Amino acid sequence: MSIGALDATKAYGRILDATKIPKIAETETTPGTGSGFGSMVEKLVSDAAGNMRAAENASAKQVAGKGDLIDVVTAVGAAETALDTVVAVRDRMVNAYSEIMRMQI
């Protein structure tokens, strides 16, 4: 099985359409709609979960013989990146909490 450059480009375009990465102006919220750190973390976790579900669905389609391998690889890569981001944010939050707890009052 040979994957051509055009096939890879089409698969990349499909995954970009599926994830719909918003522009910075689209992510700004109006006051009173939960524009704090907690809502940012909640959105980050829900997006990561959505990427993982998409990767699972792509894998299931591939196993059933109805999906492309490049779609699976792209979806798994997106899910891995999202999970790495969530873990990095968590680690930074834990480090910040530890620093605050070490401060003398």
PDB file of N, CA and C in Angstrom:
ATOM      1  N   MET A   1       0.840  -1.172   0.000  1.00  0.00           N
ATOM      2  CA  MET A   1       0.000   0.000   0.000  1.00  0.00           C
ATOM      3  C   MET A   1       0.886   1.236   0.000  1.00  0.00           C
ATOM      4  N   SER A   2       0.707   2.082  -0.981  1.00  0.00           N
ATOM      5  CA  SER A   2       1.499   3.298  -1.102  1.00  0.00           C
ATOM      6  C   SER A   2       0.620   4.511  -0.833  1.00  0.00           C
ATOM      7  N   ILE A   3       1.113   5.381   0.023  1.00  0.00           N
ATOM      8  CA  ILE A   3       0.383   6.594   0.349  1.00  0.00           C
ATOM      9  C   ILE A   3       1.042   7.738  -0.393  1.00  0.00           C
ATOM     10  N   GLY A   4       0.303   8.336  -1.312  1.00  0.00           N
ATOM     11  CA  GLY A   4       0.839   9.435  -2.087  1.00  0.00           C
ATOM     12  C   GLY A   4       0.722  10.759  -1.357  1.00  0.00           C
ATOM     13  N   ALA A   5       1.404  11.747  -1.887  1.00  0.00           N
ATOM     14  CA  ALA A   5       1.372  13.079  -1.269  1.00  0.00           C
ATOM     15  C   ALA A   5      -0.027  13.670  -1.322  1.00  0.00           C
ATOM     16  N   LEU A   6      -0.753  13.402  -2.391  1.00  0.00           N
ATOM     17  CA  LEU A   6      -2.113  13.938  -2.512  1.00  0.00           C
ATOM     18  C   LEU A   6      -3.039  13.307  -1.478  1.00  0.00           C
ATOM     19  N   ASP A   7      -2.888  12.000  -1.241  1.00  0.00           N
ATOM     20  CA  ASP A   7      -3.692  11.331  -0.214  1.00  0.00           C
ATOM     21  C   ASP A   7      -3.406  11.917   1.161  1.00  0.00           C
ATOM     22  N   ALA A   8      -2.146  12.158   1.457  1.00  0.00           N
ATOM     23  CA  ALA A   8      -1.776  12.730   2.748  1.00  0.00           C
ATOM     24  C   ALA A   8      -2.327  14.139   2.900  1.00  0.00           C
ATOM     25  N   THR A   9      -2.293  14.914   1.823  1.00  0.00           N
ATOM     26  CA  THR A   9      -2.821  16.275   1.871  1.00  0.00           C
ATOM     27  C   THR A   9      -4.322  16.274   2.104  1.00  0.00           C
ATOM     28  N   LYS A  10      -5.035  15.378   1.442  1.00  0.00           N
ATOM     29  CA  LYS A  10      -6.486  15.282   1.633  1.00  0.00           C
ATOM     30  C   LYS A  10      -6.826  14.866   3.057  1.00  0.00           C
ATOM     31  N   ALA A  11      -6.092  13.911   3.599  1.00  0.00           N
ATOM     32  CA  ALA A  11      -6.351  13.448   4.959  1.00  0.00           C
ATOM     33  C   ALA A  11      -6.061  14.558   5.959  1.00  0.00           C
ATOM     34  N   TYR A  12      -4.999  15.305   5.738  1.00  0.00           N
ATOM     35  CA  TYR A  12      -4.677  16.413   6.637  1.00  0.00           C
ATOM     36  C   TYR A  12      -5.771  17.477   6.584  1.00  0.00           C
ATOM     37  N   GLY A  13      -6.280  17.740   5.406  1.00  0.00           N
ATOM     38  CA  GLY A  13      -7.378  18.704   5.267  1.00  0.00           C
ATOM     39  C   GLY A  13      -8.633  18.237   5.979  1.00  0.00           C
ATOM     40  N   ARG A  14      -8.928  16.927   5.913  1.00  0.00           N
ATOM     41  CA  ARG A  14     -10.115  16.395   6.598  1.00  0.00           C
ATOM     42  C   ARG A  14      -9.979  16.509   8.102  1.00  0.00           C
ATOM     43  N   ILE A  15      -8.794  16.247   8.630  1.00  0.00           N
ATOM     44  CA  ILE A  15      -8.626  16.327  10.081  1.00  0.00           C
ATOM     45  C   ILE A  15      -8.668  17.781  10.542  1.00  0.00           C
ATOM     46  N   LEU A  16      -8.171  18.715   9.739  1.00  0.00           N
ATOM     47  CA  LEU A  16      -8.265  20.126  10.107  1.00  0.00           C
ATOM     48  C   LEU A  16      -9.719  20.583  10.118  1.00  0.00           C
ATOM     49  N   ASP A  17     -10.510  20.113   9.149  1.00  0.00           N
ATOM     50  CA  ASP A  17     -11.925  20.453   9.135  1.00  0.00           C
ATOM     51  C   ASP A  17     -12.642  19.845  10.327  1.00  0.00           C
ATOM     52  N   ALA A  18     -12.217  18.664  10.753  1.00  0.00           N
ATOM     53  CA  ALA A  18     -12.876  17.988  11.873  1.00  0.00           C
ATOM     54  C   ALA A  18     -12.571  18.658  13.196  1.00  0.00           C
ATOM     55  N   THR A  19     -11.351  19.174  13.363  1.00  0.00           N
ATOM     56  CA  THR A  19     -10.992  19.768  14.649  1.00  0.00           C
ATOM     57  C   THR A  19     -11.397  21.228  14.742  1.00  0.00           C
ATOM     58  N   LYS A  20     -11.472  21.932  13.620  1.00  0.00           N
ATOM     59  CA  LYS A  20     -11.880  23.344  13.589  1.00  0.00           C
ATOM     60  C   LYS A  20     -11.175  24.159  14.668  1.00  0.00           C
ATOM     61  N   ILE A  21      -9.896  24.400  14.483  1.00  0.00           N
ATOM     62  CA  ILE A  21      -9.122  25.187  15.432  1.00  0.00           C
ATOM     63  C   ILE A  21      -9.581  26.642  15.324  1.00  0.00           C
ATOM     64  N   PRO A  22     -10.093  27.220  16.424  1.00  0.00           N
ATOM     65  CA  PRO A  22     -10.616  28.585  16.343  1.00  0.00           C
ATOM     66  C   PRO A  22      -9.503  29.630  16.300  1.00  0.00           C
ATOM     67  N   LYS A  23      -9.808  30.758  15.683  1.00  0.00           N
ATOM     68  CA  LYS A  23      -8.876  31.876  15.690  1.00  0.00           C
ATOM     69  C   LYS A  23      -8.937  32.554  17.046  1.00  0.00           C
ATOM     70  N   ILE A  24      -7.939  33.382  17.347  1.00  0.00           N
ATOM     71  CA  ILE A  24      -7.878  34.028  18.652  1.00  0.00           C
ATOM     72  C   ILE A  24      -9.117  34.887  18.881  1.00  0.00           C
ATOM     73  N   ALA A  25      -9.591  35.589  17.866  1.00  0.00           N
ATOM     74  CA  ALA A  25     -10.764  36.446  18.030  1.00  0.00           C
ATOM     75  C   ALA A  25     -12.010  35.628  18.362  1.00  0.00           C
ATOM     76  N   GLU A  26     -12.074  34.384  17.877  1.00  0.00           N
ATOM     77  CA  GLU A  26     -13.238  33.541  18.148  1.00  0.00           C
ATOM     78  C   GLU A  26     -13.230  32.992  19.561  1.00  0.00           C
ATOM     79  N   THR A  27     -12.070  32.947  20.207  1.00  0.00           N
ATOM     80  CA  THR A  27     -11.990  32.377  21.546  1.00  0.00           C
ATOM     81  C   THR A  27     -12.242  33.395  22.639  1.00  0.00           C
ATOM     82  N   GLU A  28     -12.247  34.682  22.292  1.00  0.00           N
ATOM     83  CA  GLU A  28     -12.504  35.702  23.297  1.00  0.00           C
ATOM     84  C   GLU A  28     -13.955  35.606  23.743  1.00  0.00           C
ATOM     85  N   THR A  29     -14.168  35.751  25.036  1.00  0.00           N
ATOM     86  CA  THR A  29     -15.520  35.665  25.564  1.00  0.00           C
ATOM     87  C   THR A  29     -15.945  36.999  26.118  1.00  0.00           C
ATOM     88  N   THR A  30     -17.219  37.168  26.248  1.00  0.00           N
ATOM     89  CA  THR A  30     -17.737  38.393  26.827  1.00  0.00           C
ATOM     90  C   THR A  30     -17.700  38.264  28.339  1.00  0.00           C
ATOM     91  N   PRO A  31     -17.657  39.377  29.051  1.00  0.00           N
ATOM     92  CA  PRO A  31     -17.627  39.306  30.515  1.00  0.00           C
ATOM     93  C   PRO A  31     -18.847  38.580  31.060  1.00  0.00           C
ATOM     94  N   GLY A  32     -18.595  37.752  32.064  1.00  0.00           N
ATOM     95  CA  GLY A  32     -19.691  37.024  32.696  1.00  0.00           C
ATOM     96  C   GLY A  32     -19.981  35.675  32.083  1.00  0.00           C
ATOM     97  N   THR A  33     -19.212  35.269  31.077  1.00  0.00           N
ATOM     98  CA  THR A  33     -19.464  33.968  30.454  1.00  0.00           C
ATOM     99  C   THR A  33     -18.415  32.945  30.836  1.00  0.00           C
ATOM    100  N   GLY A  34     -17.754  33.137  31.949  1.00  0.00           N
ATOM    101  CA  GLY A  34     -16.769  32.161  32.402  1.00  0.00           C
ATOM    102  C   GLY A  34     -15.455  32.300  31.684  1.00  0.00           C
ATOM    103  N   SER A  35     -14.879  33.490  31.698  1.00  0.00           N
ATOM    104  CA  SER A  35     -13.637  33.717  30.969  1.00  0.00           C
ATOM    105  C   SER A  35     -12.415  33.551  31.868  1.00  0.00           C
ATOM    106  N   GLY A  36     -12.536  32.775  32.935  1.00  0.00           N
ATOM    107  CA  GLY A  36     -11.434  32.602  33.864  1.00  0.00           C
ATOM    108  C   GLY A  36     -10.570  31.407  33.527  1.00  0.00           C
ATOM    109  N   PHE A  37      -9.622  31.175  34.414  1.00  0.00           N
ATOM    110  CA  PHE A  37      -8.682  30.081  34.232  1.00  0.00           C
ATOM    111  C   PHE A  37      -9.388  28.723  34.265  1.00  0.00           C
ATOM    112  N   GLY A  38     -10.383  28.589  35.151  1.00  0.00           N
ATOM    113  CA  GLY A  38     -11.113  27.328  35.256  1.00  0.00           C
ATOM    114  C   GLY A  38     -11.829  26.963  33.973  1.00  0.00           C
ATOM    115  N   SER A  39     -12.430  27.946  33.322  1.00  0.00           N
ATOM    116  CA  SER A  39     -13.125  27.654  32.062  1.00  0.00           C
ATOM    117  C   SER A  39     -12.136  27.305  30.959  1.00  0.00           C
ATOM    118  N   MET A  40     -10.938  27.919  31.004  1.00  0.00           N
ATOM    119  CA  MET A  40      -9.920  27.587  30.017  1.00  0.00           C
ATOM    120  C   MET A  40      -9.466  26.137  30.188  1.00  0.00           C
ATOM    121  N   VAL A  41      -9.249  25.730  31.438  1.00  0.00           N
ATOM    122  CA  VAL A  41      -8.833  24.355  31.704  1.00  0.00           C
ATOM    123  C   VAL A  41      -9.950  23.381  31.316  1.00  0.00           C
ATOM    124  N   GLU A  42     -11.196  23.742  31.631  1.00  0.00           N
ATOM    125  CA  GLU A  42     -12.327  22.885  31.272  1.00  0.00           C
ATOM    126  C   GLU A  42     -12.419  22.701  29.760  1.00  0.00           C
ATOM    127  N   LYS A  43     -12.229  23.777  29.003  1.00  0.00           N
ATOM    128  CA  LYS A  43     -12.269  23.689  27.541  1.00  0.00           C
ATOM    129  C   LYS A  43     -11.103  22.848  27.021  1.00  0.00           C
ATOM    130  N   LEU A  44      -9.941  23.010  27.629  1.00  0.00           N
ATOM    131  CA  LEU A  44      -8.762  22.248  27.224  1.00  0.00           C
ATOM    132  C   LEU A  44      -8.986  20.751  27.417  1.00  0.00           C
ATOM    133  N   VAL A  45      -9.552  20.382  28.556  1.00  0.00           N
ATOM    134  CA  VAL A  45      -9.801  18.968  28.844  1.00  0.00           C
ATOM    135  C   VAL A  45     -10.883  18.408  27.919  1.00  0.00           C
ATOM    136  N   SER A  46     -11.942  19.177  27.692  1.00  0.00           N
ATOM    137  CA  SER A  46     -13.011  18.678  26.814  1.00  0.00           C
ATOM    138  C   SER A  46     -12.529  18.546  25.373  1.00  0.00           C
ATOM    139  N   ASP A  47     -11.675  19.474  24.919  1.00  0.00           N
ATOM    140  CA  ASP A  47     -11.113  19.349  23.575  1.00  0.00           C
ATOM    141  C   ASP A  47     -10.204  18.125  23.461  1.00  0.00           C
ATOM    142  N   ALA A  48      -9.426  17.868  24.509  1.00  0.00           N
ATOM    143  CA  ALA A  48      -8.552  16.687  24.504  1.00  0.00           C
ATOM    144  C   ALA A  48      -9.385  15.411  24.462  1.00  0.00           C
ATOM    145  N   ALA A  49     -10.474  15.387  25.227  1.00  0.00           N
ATOM    146  CA  ALA A  49     -11.348  14.209  25.207  1.00  0.00           C
ATOM    147  C   ALA A  49     -11.990  14.028  23.833  1.00  0.00           C
ATOM    148  N   GLY A  50     -12.374  15.115  23.210  1.00  0.00           N
ATOM    149  CA  GLY A  50     -12.944  15.038  21.860  1.00  0.00           C
ATOM    150  C   GLY A  50     -11.938  14.511  20.853  1.00  0.00           C
ATOM    151  N   ASN A  51     -10.685  14.959  20.959  1.00  0.00           N
ATOM    152  CA  ASN A  51      -9.639  14.460  20.062  1.00  0.00           C
ATOM    153  C   ASN A  51      -9.395  12.966  20.281  1.00  0.00           C
ATOM    154  N   MET A  52      -9.461  12.530  21.530  1.00  0.00           N
ATOM    155  CA  MET A  52      -9.265  11.102  21.807  1.00  0.00           C
ATOM    156  C   MET A  52     -10.419  10.271  21.256  1.00  0.00           C
ATOM    157  N   ARG A  53     -11.648  10.792  21.376  1.00  0.00           N
ATOM    158  CA  ARG A  53     -12.799  10.084  20.797  1.00  0.00           C
ATOM    159  C   ARG A  53     -12.676   9.987  19.275  1.00  0.00           C
ATOM    160  N   ALA A  54     -12.215  11.077  18.653  1.00  0.00           N
ATOM    161  CA  ALA A  54     -12.025  11.073  17.200  1.00  0.00           C
ATOM    162  C   ALA A  54     -10.971  10.052  16.790  1.00  0.00           C
ATOM    163  N   ALA A  55      -9.909   9.940  17.586  1.00  0.00           N
ATOM    164  CA  ALA A  55      -8.864   8.953  17.293  1.00  0.00           C
ATOM    165  C   ALA A  55      -9.412   7.533  17.445  1.00  0.00           C
ATOM    166  N   GLU A  56     -10.227   7.307  18.474  1.00  0.00           N
ATOM    167  CA  GLU A  56     -10.841   5.989  18.649  1.00  0.00           C
ATOM    168  C   GLU A  56     -11.757   5.649  17.480  1.00  0.00           C
ATOM    169  N   ASN A  57     -12.557   6.620  17.050  1.00  0.00           N
ATOM    170  CA  ASN A  57     -13.467   6.383  15.920  1.00  0.00           C
ATOM    171  C   ASN A  57     -12.699   6.089  14.641  1.00  0.00           C
ATOM    172  N   ALA A  58     -11.618   6.838  14.403  1.00  0.00           N
ATOM    173  CA  ALA A  58     -10.802   6.600  13.212  1.00  0.00           C
ATOM    174  C   ALA A  58     -10.159   5.218  13.268  1.00  0.00           C
ATOM    175  N   SER A  59      -9.715   4.809  14.453  1.00  0.00           N
ATOM    176  CA  SER A  59      -9.117   3.481  14.600  1.00  0.00           C
ATOM    177  C   SER A  59     -10.151   2.386  14.358  1.00  0.00           C
ATOM    178  N   ALA A  60     -11.343   2.584  14.882  1.00  0.00           N
ATOM    179  CA  ALA A  60     -12.402   1.591  14.681  1.00  0.00           C
ATOM    180  C   ALA A  60     -12.783   1.472  13.210  1.00  0.00           C
ATOM    181  N   LYS A  61     -12.832   2.606  12.506  1.00  0.00           N
ATOM    182  CA  LYS A  61     -13.134   2.565  11.072  1.00  0.00           C
ATOM    183  C   LYS A  61     -12.041   1.832  10.306  1.00  0.00           C
ATOM    184  N   GLN A  62     -10.782   2.062  10.696  1.00  0.00           N
ATOM    185  CA  GLN A  62      -9.666   1.391  10.028  1.00  0.00           C
ATOM    186  C   GLN A  62      -9.722  -0.109  10.254  1.00  0.00           C
ATOM    187  N   VAL A  63     -10.041  -0.524  11.478  1.00  0.00           N
ATOM    188  CA  VAL A  63     -10.119  -1.950  11.785  1.00  0.00           C
ATOM    189  C   VAL A  63     -11.251  -2.599  10.987  1.00  0.00           C
ATOM    190  N   ALA A  64     -12.335  -1.845  10.826  1.00  0.00           N
ATOM    191  CA  ALA A  64     -13.478  -2.366  10.062  1.00  0.00           C
ATOM    192  C   ALA A  64     -13.223  -2.327   8.556  1.00  0.00           C
ATOM    193  N   GLY A  65     -12.125  -1.704   8.146  1.00  0.00           N
ATOM    194  CA  GLY A  65     -11.789  -1.644   6.731  1.00  0.00           C
ATOM    195  C   GLY A  65     -12.456  -0.494   6.003  1.00  0.00           C
ATOM    196  N   LYS A  66     -13.002   0.456   6.738  1.00  0.00           N
ATOM    197  CA  LYS A  66     -13.718   1.567   6.107  1.00  0.00           C
ATOM    198  C   LYS A  66     -12.967   2.893   6.213  1.00  0.00           C
ATOM    199  N   GLY A  67     -11.813   2.906   6.834  1.00  0.00           N
ATOM    200  CA  GLY A  67     -11.080   4.152   7.028  1.00  0.00           C
ATOM    201  C   GLY A  67      -9.695   4.094   6.414  1.00  0.00           C
ATOM    202  N   ASP A  68      -9.086   5.265   6.304  1.00  0.00           N
ATOM    203  CA  ASP A  68      -7.728   5.369   5.778  1.00  0.00           C
ATOM    204  C   ASP A  68      -6.733   5.360   6.931  1.00  0.00           C
ATOM    205  N   LEU A  69      -5.599   4.756   6.695  1.00  0.00           N
ATOM    206  CA  LEU A  69      -4.556   4.691   7.712  1.00  0.00           C
ATOM    207  C   LEU A  69      -4.021   6.073   8.051  1.00  0.00           C
ATOM    208  N   ILE A  70      -3.924   6.933   7.051  1.00  0.00           N
ATOM    209  CA  ILE A  70      -3.397   8.276   7.292  1.00  0.00           C
ATOM    210  C   ILE A  70      -4.339   9.059   8.202  1.00  0.00           C
ATOM    211  N   ASP A  71      -5.654   8.812   8.108  1.00  0.00           N
ATOM    212  CA  ASP A  71      -6.613   9.467   9.009  1.00  0.00           C
ATOM    213  C   ASP A  71      -6.392   9.019  10.446  1.00  0.00           C
ATOM    214  N   VAL A  72      -6.101   7.735  10.626  1.00  0.00           N
ATOM    215  CA  VAL A  72      -5.858   7.206  11.962  1.00  0.00           C
ATOM    216  C   VAL A  72      -4.600   7.839  12.556  1.00  0.00           C
ATOM    217  N   VAL A  73      -3.546   7.887  11.776  1.00  0.00           N
ATOM    218  CA  VAL A  73      -2.281   8.444  12.252  1.00  0.00           C
ATOM    219  C   VAL A  73      -2.444   9.925  12.593  1.00  0.00           C
ATOM    220  N   THR A  74      -3.153  10.660  11.757  1.00  0.00           N
ATOM    221  CA  THR A  74      -3.366  12.083  12.005  1.00  0.00           C
ATOM    222  C   THR A  74      -4.213  12.304  13.249  1.00  0.00           C
ATOM    223  N   ALA A  75      -5.276  11.520  13.413  1.00  0.00           N
ATOM    224  CA  ALA A  75      -6.145  11.669  14.582  1.00  0.00           C
ATOM    225  C   ALA A  75      -5.420  11.288  15.870  1.00  0.00           C
ATOM    226  N   VAL A  76      -4.629  10.229  15.816  1.00  0.00           N
ATOM    227  CA  VAL A  76      -3.869   9.823  17.002  1.00  0.00           C
ATOM    228  C   VAL A  76      -2.821  10.882  17.339  1.00  0.00           C
ATOM    229  N   GLY A  77      -2.195  11.472  16.329  1.00  0.00           N
ATOM    230  CA  GLY A  77      -1.234  12.547  16.567  1.00  0.00           C
ATOM    231  C   GLY A  77      -1.884  13.760  17.218  1.00  0.00           C
ATOM    232  N   ALA A  78      -3.076  14.122  16.759  1.00  0.00           N
ATOM    233  CA  ALA A  78      -3.795  15.250  17.353  1.00  0.00           C
ATOM    234  C   ALA A  78      -4.184  14.945  18.794  1.00  0.00           C
ATOM    235  N   ALA A  79      -4.618  13.715  19.049  1.00  0.00           N
ATOM    236  CA  ALA A  79      -4.988  13.325  20.410  1.00  0.00           C
ATOM    237  C   ALA A  79      -3.766  13.322  21.324  1.00  0.00           C
ATOM    238  N   GLU A  80      -2.644  12.863  20.808  1.00  0.00           N
ATOM    239  CA  GLU A  80      -1.414  12.842  21.609  1.00  0.00           C
ATOM    240  C   GLU A  80      -0.966  14.257  21.955  1.00  0.00           C
ATOM    241  N   THR A  81      -1.043  15.159  20.989  1.00  0.00           N
ATOM    242  CA  THR A  81      -0.670  16.550  21.236  1.00  0.00           C
ATOM    243  C   THR A  81      -1.584  17.188  22.273  1.00  0.00           C
ATOM    244  N   ALA A  82      -2.881  16.922  22.167  1.00  0.00           N
ATOM    245  CA  ALA A  82      -3.839  17.477  23.135  1.00  0.00           C
ATOM    246  C   ALA A  82      -3.567  16.933  24.533  1.00  0.00           C
ATOM    247  N   LEU A  83      -3.298  15.646  24.630  1.00  0.00           N
ATOM    248  CA  LEU A  83      -3.010  15.046  25.934  1.00  0.00           C
ATOM    249  C   LEU A  83      -1.710  15.585  26.513  1.00  0.00           C
ATOM    250  N   ASP A  84      -0.697  15.762  25.686  1.00  0.00           N
ATOM    251  CA  ASP A  84       0.566  16.339  26.157  1.00  0.00           C
ATOM    252  C   ASP A  84       0.353  17.755  26.690  1.00  0.00           C
ATOM    253  N   THR A  85      -0.523  18.514  26.025  1.00  0.00           N
ATOM    254  CA  THR A  85      -0.820  19.872  26.481  1.00  0.00           C
ATOM    255  C   THR A  85      -1.505  19.855  27.836  1.00  0.00           C
ATOM    256  N   VAL A  86      -2.481  18.967  28.006  1.00  0.00           N
ATOM    257  CA  VAL A  86      -3.192  18.865  29.281  1.00  0.00           C
ATOM    258  C   VAL A  86      -2.221  18.467  30.398  1.00  0.00           C
ATOM    259  N   VAL A  87      -1.355  17.534  30.134  1.00  0.00           N
ATOM    260  CA  VAL A  87      -0.381  17.095  31.136  1.00  0.00           C
ATOM    261  C   VAL A  87       0.585  18.225  31.477  1.00  0.00           C
ATOM    262  N   ALA A  88       1.013  18.990  30.480  1.00  0.00           N
ATOM    263  CA  ALA A  88       1.930  20.107  30.741  1.00  0.00           C
ATOM    264  C   ALA A  88       1.256  21.173  31.596  1.00  0.00           C
ATOM    265  N   VAL A  89       0.002  21.478  31.308  1.00  0.00           N
ATOM    266  CA  VAL A  89      -0.723  22.474  32.113  1.00  0.00           C
ATOM    267  C   VAL A  89      -0.899  21.960  33.541  1.00  0.00           C
ATOM    268  N   ARG A  90      -1.226  20.685  33.680  1.00  0.00           N
ATOM    269  CA  ARG A  90      -1.376  20.109  35.010  1.00  0.00           C
ATOM    270  C   ARG A  90      -0.076  20.184  35.802  1.00  0.00           C
ATOM    271  N   ASP A  91       1.025  19.846  35.159  1.00  0.00           N
ATOM    272  CA  ASP A  91       2.316  19.894  35.829  1.00  0.00           C
ATOM    273  C   ASP A  91       2.664  21.313  36.274  1.00  0.00           C
ATOM    274  N   ARG A  92       2.370  22.294  35.424  1.00  0.00           N
ATOM    275  CA  ARG A  92       2.637  23.685  35.788  1.00  0.00           C
ATOM    276  C   ARG A  92       1.764  24.127  36.951  1.00  0.00           C
ATOM    277  N   MET A  93       0.510  23.678  36.976  1.00  0.00           N
ATOM    278  CA  MET A  93      -0.386  24.030  38.077  1.00  0.00           C
ATOM    279  C   MET A  93       0.102  23.416  39.380  1.00  0.00           C
ATOM    280  N   VAL A  94       0.541  22.175  39.345  1.00  0.00           N
ATOM    281  CA  VAL A  94       1.046  21.507  40.548  1.00  0.00           C
ATOM    282  C   VAL A  94       2.315  22.198  41.037  1.00  0.00           C
ATOM    283  N   ASN A  95       3.196  22.561  40.123  1.00  0.00           N
ATOM    284  CA  ASN A  95       4.421  23.271  40.513  1.00  0.00           C
ATOM    285  C   ASN A  95       4.103  24.632  41.124  1.00  0.00           C
ATOM    286  N   ALA A  96       3.149  25.348  40.539  1.00  0.00           N
ATOM    287  CA  ALA A  96       2.761  26.650  41.085  1.00  0.00           C
ATOM    288  C   ALA A  96       2.159  26.490  42.479  1.00  0.00           C
ATOM    289  N   TYR A  97       1.327  25.476  42.657  1.00  0.00           N
ATOM    290  CA  TYR A  97       0.730  25.221  43.972  1.00  0.00           C
ATOM    291  C   TYR A  97       1.814  24.897  44.997  1.00  0.00           C
ATOM    292  N   SER A  98       2.784  24.094  44.607  1.00  0.00           N
ATOM    293  CA  SER A  98       3.884  23.747  45.513  1.00  0.00           C
ATOM    294  C   SER A  98       4.679  24.982  45.902  1.00  0.00           C
ATOM    295  N   GLU A  99       4.941  25.869  44.938  1.00  0.00           N
ATOM    296  CA  GLU A  99       5.659  27.109  45.233  1.00  0.00           C
ATOM    297  C   GLU A  99       4.870  27.983  46.201  1.00  0.00           C
ATOM    298  N   ILE A 100       3.566  28.078  46.012  1.00  0.00           N
ATOM    299  CA  ILE A 100       2.731  28.882  46.903  1.00  0.00           C
ATOM    300  C   ILE A 100       2.749  28.294  48.312  1.00  0.00           C
ATOM    301  N   MET A 101       2.699  26.983  48.410  1.00  0.00           N
ATOM    302  CA  MET A 101       2.697  26.340  49.734  1.00  0.00           C
ATOM    303  C   MET A 101       4.037  26.512  50.451  1.00  0.00           C
ATOM    304  N   ARG A 102       5.133  26.698  49.716  1.00  0.00           N
ATOM    305  CA  ARG A 102       6.437  26.912  50.325  1.00  0.00           C
ATOM    306  C   ARG A 102       6.677  28.345  50.779  1.00  0.00           C
ATOM    307  N   MET A 103       5.821  29.265  50.331  1.00  0.00           N
ATOM    308  CA  MET A 103       5.998  30.667  50.705  1.00  0.00           C
ATOM    309  C   MET A 103       5.751  30.858  52.198  1.00  0.00           C
ATOM    310  N   GLN A 104       6.535  31.738  52.772  1.00  0.00           N
ATOM    311  CA  GLN A 104       6.339  32.058  54.190  1.00  0.00           C
ATOM    312  C   GLN A 104       5.327  33.178  54.308  1.00  0.00           C
ATOM    313  N   ILE A 105       4.475  33.053  55.290  1.00  0.00           N
ATOM    314  CA  ILE A 105       3.430  34.067  55.477  1.00  0.00           C
ATOM    315  C   ILE A 105       3.883  35.071  56.502  1.00  0.00           C
TER     316      ILE A 105
END
